[in-house]
Amino acid sequence: MRTLIARRIVLAMLITSLAGGAGSSAWAHPGHAPSGAPEPAAAPVDRRIEFEAPAPGTYQLPVIKPAPDGAVLDTKGVPRRLHALMAGKVVVLSFVYTQCSDARGCPLATAVLYQIHRATASDPVLAQRLKLITLSFDPAHDTPAVMARYARSSEPTMRASEWDRLTTSSDRALAPILAGYGQLVARPTGTQAGGLTHRLRVYLIDPQQRIRNIYGLDFLDPELLLADVRTLLLEETKARR
């Protein structure tokens, strides 16, 4: 019964994530936070789902597609490649922009990653095998220095998983990454006011750099995401035997 429930949960998540309709696919409202404001990482996260997360390993996550590579910059401005940063890890990747003020958009995604980050501090295996990546889709404002400031307020004192905050050198470098992941971003025209409009998307990527789940607003839940991460880790352990 648990396996059947888990399969239904995964199917519902995939349909919601990939359909491109309302619900988890809803566009986040544009908005601006004060420039240089710290990320709201410590904010509590209300559960997005009413059911309990299935037990890790009692279900399978299908391969959706390869996770695209791309040229990025770390918080020191050093050019890096996404695939190199992901190598050998289960990855949770979130696209954000630091001036977003919509509580259902980037602040929510960052708060969920923060909850996952804290959970890894008490699990050495999880801390070693999981990596979190936050990638800005606003390179004009979110420079490496801004991303470094964005990171500082969320670093726990305990040992936890790696968490890279990245940006790109330009919109031109960013465009193929957004296109590859299907992360939709609408930029205001000369006659429009406000910030960027985007769809909330968080991606689960396995160590073979394949996307295994895509979370929108309705299913972006820390407990469910952690169950999926642990399911992939169990899958990797079995594959080594």
Protein backbone atom coordinates (compact mmCIF):
# COMPACT_ATOMS: atom_id res chain seq x y z
CA MET A 1 0.00 0.00 0.00
CA ARG A 2 2.80 2.43 0.89
CA THR A 3 4.47 1.77 -2.48
CA LEU A 4 1.20 2.38 -4.31
CA ILE A 5 0.67 5.65 -2.45
CA ALA A 6 4.24 6.72 -3.19
CA ARG A 7 3.82 6.01 -6.90
CA ARG A 8 0.65 8.08 -6.97
CA ILE A 9 2.43 10.92 -5.19
CA VAL A 10 5.28 10.89 -7.68
CA LEU A 11 2.89 10.76 -10.63
CA ALA A 12 0.93 13.70 -9.26
CA MET A 13 4.12 15.68 -8.73
CA LEU A 14 5.32 15.05 -12.25
CA ILE A 15 2.00 15.96 -13.80
CA THR A 16 1.83 19.15 -11.75
CA SER A 17 5.42 20.09 -12.44
CA LEU A 18 5.41 19.43 -16.17
CA ALA A 19 1.89 20.44 -17.20
CA GLY A 20 2.69 24.16 -17.24
CA GLY A 21 -0.73 25.14 -15.92
CA ALA A 22 -1.89 26.71 -12.69
CA GLY A 23 -1.02 25.61 -9.18
CA SER A 24 2.66 24.76 -8.95
CA SER A 25 3.23 26.31 -12.35
CA ALA A 26 1.80 29.67 -11.35
CA TRP A 27 3.85 32.72 -12.10
CA ALA A 28 5.39 34.38 -9.06
CA HIS A 29 4.43 37.99 -8.75
CA PRO A 30 7.19 40.49 -9.47
CA GLY A 31 8.58 42.52 -6.61
CA HIS A 32 11.68 44.03 -5.13
CA ALA A 33 13.25 43.60 -1.74
CA PRO A 34 15.58 46.31 -0.44
CA SER A 35 18.90 46.17 -2.26
CA GLY A 36 21.43 44.03 -0.44
CA ALA A 37 18.83 42.67 2.00
CA PRO A 38 19.74 39.31 3.55
CA GLU A 39 17.88 36.28 2.35
CA PRO A 40 14.84 35.30 4.43
CA ALA A 41 16.27 31.83 4.94
CA ALA A 42 15.32 31.36 8.56
CA ALA A 43 11.61 31.99 7.95
CA PRO A 44 9.41 29.02 8.90
CA VAL A 45 8.09 26.97 6.00
CA ASP A 46 4.45 25.90 6.05
CA ARG A 47 4.01 22.42 4.65
CA ARG A 48 2.88 22.54 1.03
CA ILE A 49 1.26 19.07 1.14
CA GLU A 50 -1.28 17.51 3.48
CA PHE A 51 -0.05 13.90 3.26
CA GLU A 52 3.02 12.39 4.90
CA ALA A 53 6.09 12.01 2.73
CA PRO A 54 6.55 8.37 1.65
CA ALA A 55 9.37 6.37 3.17
CA PRO A 56 12.62 6.77 1.20
CA GLY A 57 13.33 3.85 -1.08
CA THR A 58 9.70 2.65 -1.26
CA TYR A 59 9.23 4.31 -4.65
CA GLN A 60 11.20 5.26 -7.73
CA LEU A 61 11.81 8.63 -9.35
CA PRO A 62 11.90 8.43 -13.16
CA VAL A 63 14.57 10.17 -15.20
CA ILE A 64 13.03 13.31 -16.72
CA LYS A 65 15.96 14.54 -18.82
CA PRO A 66 19.68 15.35 -18.59
CA ALA A 67 20.53 18.34 -16.39
CA PRO A 68 22.07 21.02 -18.64
CA ASP A 69 25.55 22.37 -18.04
CA GLY A 70 26.44 26.06 -18.16
CA ALA A 71 29.05 28.73 -17.43
CA VAL A 72 28.56 30.31 -14.00
CA LEU A 73 30.44 32.43 -11.46
CA ASP A 74 30.91 31.59 -7.80
CA THR A 75 30.78 34.15 -4.97
CA LYS A 76 34.42 35.06 -5.60
CA GLY A 77 33.80 35.69 -9.28
CA VAL A 78 35.68 32.57 -10.35
CA PRO A 79 34.32 31.02 -13.59
CA ARG A 80 32.92 27.55 -12.99
CA ARG A 81 30.85 24.94 -14.83
CA LEU A 82 27.59 23.67 -13.39
CA HIS A 83 28.43 20.04 -14.13
CA ALA A 84 31.79 20.35 -12.38
CA LEU A 85 30.08 21.72 -9.28
CA MET A 86 27.50 18.94 -9.35
CA ALA A 87 29.96 16.09 -9.91
CA GLY A 88 29.23 12.99 -7.84
CA LYS A 89 26.48 14.59 -5.74
CA VAL A 90 22.74 14.53 -5.45
CA VAL A 91 21.88 18.16 -6.16
CA VAL A 92 18.96 20.41 -5.29
CA LEU A 93 19.05 23.38 -7.68
CA SER A 94 16.97 26.52 -7.22
CA PHE A 95 16.74 29.54 -9.52
CA VAL A 96 16.16 32.86 -7.73
CA TYR A 97 16.80 36.55 -7.86
CA THR A 98 17.76 38.32 -4.66
CA GLN A 99 15.37 41.27 -5.03
CA CYS A 100 12.29 39.03 -5.20
CA SER A 101 9.80 39.93 -2.47
CA ASP A 102 7.00 37.48 -3.33
CA ALA A 103 6.61 35.15 -0.36
CA ARG A 104 5.52 32.39 -2.76
CA GLY A 105 8.55 32.82 -5.00
CA CYS A 106 12.29 33.02 -4.35
CA PRO A 107 12.02 33.56 -0.56
CA LEU A 108 10.02 30.33 -0.28
CA ALA A 109 12.50 28.37 -2.40
CA THR A 110 15.40 29.65 -0.32
CA ALA A 111 13.61 28.91 2.96
CA VAL A 112 12.97 25.32 1.86
CA LEU A 113 16.63 24.88 0.92
CA TYR A 114 17.58 26.30 4.29
CA GLN A 115 15.43 23.69 6.04
CA ILE A 116 17.12 20.96 4.02
CA HIS A 117 20.52 22.46 4.81
CA ARG A 118 19.79 22.37 8.52
CA ALA A 119 18.63 18.75 8.28
CA THR A 120 21.96 17.70 6.78
CA ALA A 121 23.84 19.04 9.80
CA SER A 122 22.62 16.08 11.87
CA ASP A 123 23.17 13.51 9.11
CA PRO A 124 26.85 13.14 8.09
CA VAL A 125 26.05 10.90 5.10
CA LEU A 126 23.48 13.35 3.79
CA ALA A 127 25.85 16.26 4.38
CA GLN A 128 28.59 14.55 2.36
CA ARG A 129 26.48 13.38 -0.56
CA LEU A 130 24.05 16.28 -1.06
CA LYS A 131 24.80 19.67 -2.59
CA LEU A 132 22.50 22.67 -2.72
CA ILE A 133 22.85 25.19 -5.53
CA THR A 134 21.16 28.58 -5.76
CA LEU A 135 21.59 30.23 -9.16
CA SER A 136 20.49 33.80 -9.84
CA PHE A 137 18.65 34.68 -13.04
CA ASP A 138 19.36 38.40 -12.55
CA PRO A 139 23.09 38.77 -13.32
CA ALA A 140 22.86 42.54 -13.81
CA HIS A 141 22.08 43.01 -10.11
CA ASP A 142 23.14 39.71 -8.55
CA THR A 143 26.90 39.97 -8.89
CA PRO A 144 29.20 37.51 -7.12
CA ALA A 145 29.51 40.00 -4.24
CA VAL A 146 25.73 40.23 -3.90
CA MET A 147 25.43 36.45 -3.92
CA ALA A 148 28.08 36.25 -1.21
CA ARG A 149 26.05 38.61 0.99
CA TYR A 150 22.93 36.62 0.15
CA ALA A 151 24.60 33.50 1.51
CA ARG A 152 25.99 34.73 4.81
CA SER A 153 22.78 34.94 6.84
CA SER A 154 21.85 31.32 6.19
CA GLU A 155 25.09 29.55 7.11
CA PRO A 156 24.52 27.33 10.17
CA THR A 157 27.29 26.90 12.71
CA MET A 158 27.07 23.11 12.40
CA ARG A 159 28.62 21.00 9.70
CA ALA A 160 26.16 20.70 6.82
CA SER A 161 26.01 20.05 3.10
CA GLU A 162 27.73 22.32 0.60
CA TRP A 163 25.60 25.18 -0.66
CA ASP A 164 26.85 27.11 -3.70
CA ARG A 165 25.40 30.53 -4.53
CA LEU A 166 26.04 31.26 -8.17
CA THR A 167 25.40 33.86 -10.82
CA THR A 168 26.46 34.35 -14.42
CA SER A 169 28.56 36.93 -16.21
CA SER A 170 25.67 38.16 -18.38
CA ASP A 171 22.17 37.46 -19.65
CA ARG A 172 23.81 35.90 -22.69
CA ALA A 173 25.60 33.31 -20.53
CA LEU A 174 22.43 32.74 -18.53
CA ALA A 175 20.02 32.25 -21.44
CA PRO A 176 21.02 28.70 -22.48
CA ILE A 177 20.88 27.56 -18.84
CA LEU A 178 17.35 28.87 -18.36
CA ALA A 179 16.27 27.40 -21.69
CA GLY A 180 17.81 24.02 -20.90
CA TYR A 181 16.07 23.72 -17.55
CA GLY A 182 12.82 25.25 -18.75
CA GLN A 183 13.00 27.98 -16.11
CA LEU A 184 10.75 30.71 -17.47
CA VAL A 185 11.58 34.33 -16.64
CA ALA A 186 9.84 37.42 -18.02
CA ARG A 187 11.74 40.69 -17.86
CA PRO A 188 9.89 44.03 -17.74
CA THR A 189 9.87 46.07 -20.93
CA GLY A 190 10.67 49.76 -21.13
CA THR A 191 7.03 50.63 -20.39
CA GLN A 192 6.63 48.22 -17.47
CA ALA A 193 7.52 48.70 -13.83
CA GLY A 194 8.42 46.14 -11.19
CA GLY A 195 10.77 43.21 -10.98
CA LEU A 196 11.18 39.97 -12.85
CA THR A 197 8.26 37.60 -13.25
CA HIS A 198 9.07 33.91 -13.08
CA ARG A 199 7.79 30.44 -12.35
CA LEU A 200 8.90 28.84 -9.11
CA ARG A 201 11.02 25.82 -9.94
CA VAL A 202 13.38 23.65 -7.84
CA TYR A 203 15.17 20.71 -9.49
CA LEU A 204 16.36 17.41 -8.04
CA ILE A 205 19.39 16.08 -9.91
CA ASP A 206 21.10 12.72 -9.45
CA PRO A 207 24.88 12.05 -9.47
CA GLN A 208 24.68 11.14 -13.16
CA GLN A 209 23.44 14.72 -13.72
CA ARG A 210 19.92 13.76 -14.69
CA ILE A 211 16.84 15.65 -13.52
CA ARG A 212 14.72 13.31 -11.41
CA ASN A 213 12.04 15.67 -10.13
CA ILE A 214 10.85 19.25 -10.60
CA TYR A 215 9.04 20.99 -7.75
CA GLY A 216 6.62 23.84 -8.21
CA LEU A 217 4.67 25.77 -5.60
CA ASP A 218 2.27 22.96 -4.65
CA PHE A 219 4.94 20.33 -3.96
CA LEU A 220 7.88 22.37 -2.68
CA ASP A 221 7.92 20.76 0.75
CA PRO A 222 11.09 20.09 2.80
CA GLU A 223 10.00 16.67 4.06
CA LEU A 224 8.97 15.45 0.63
CA LEU A 225 12.14 16.78 -0.97
CA LEU A 226 14.30 15.10 1.68
CA ALA A 227 12.47 11.81 1.09
CA ASP A 228 13.26 12.11 -2.62
CA VAL A 229 16.92 12.93 -1.90
CA ARG A 230 17.26 9.89 0.35
CA THR A 231 15.53 7.73 -2.27
CA LEU A 232 18.20 8.71 -4.80
CA LEU A 233 20.96 8.03 -2.26
CA LEU A 234 19.55 4.55 -1.61
CA GLU A 235 19.36 4.00 -5.36
CA GLU A 236 23.05 4.90 -5.69
CA THR A 237 24.00 2.59 -2.82
CA LYS A 238 22.17 -0.34 -4.42
CA ALA A 239 23.79 0.37 -7.79
CA ARG A 240 27.27 0.05 -6.25
CA ARG A 241 26.58 -3.45 -4.90
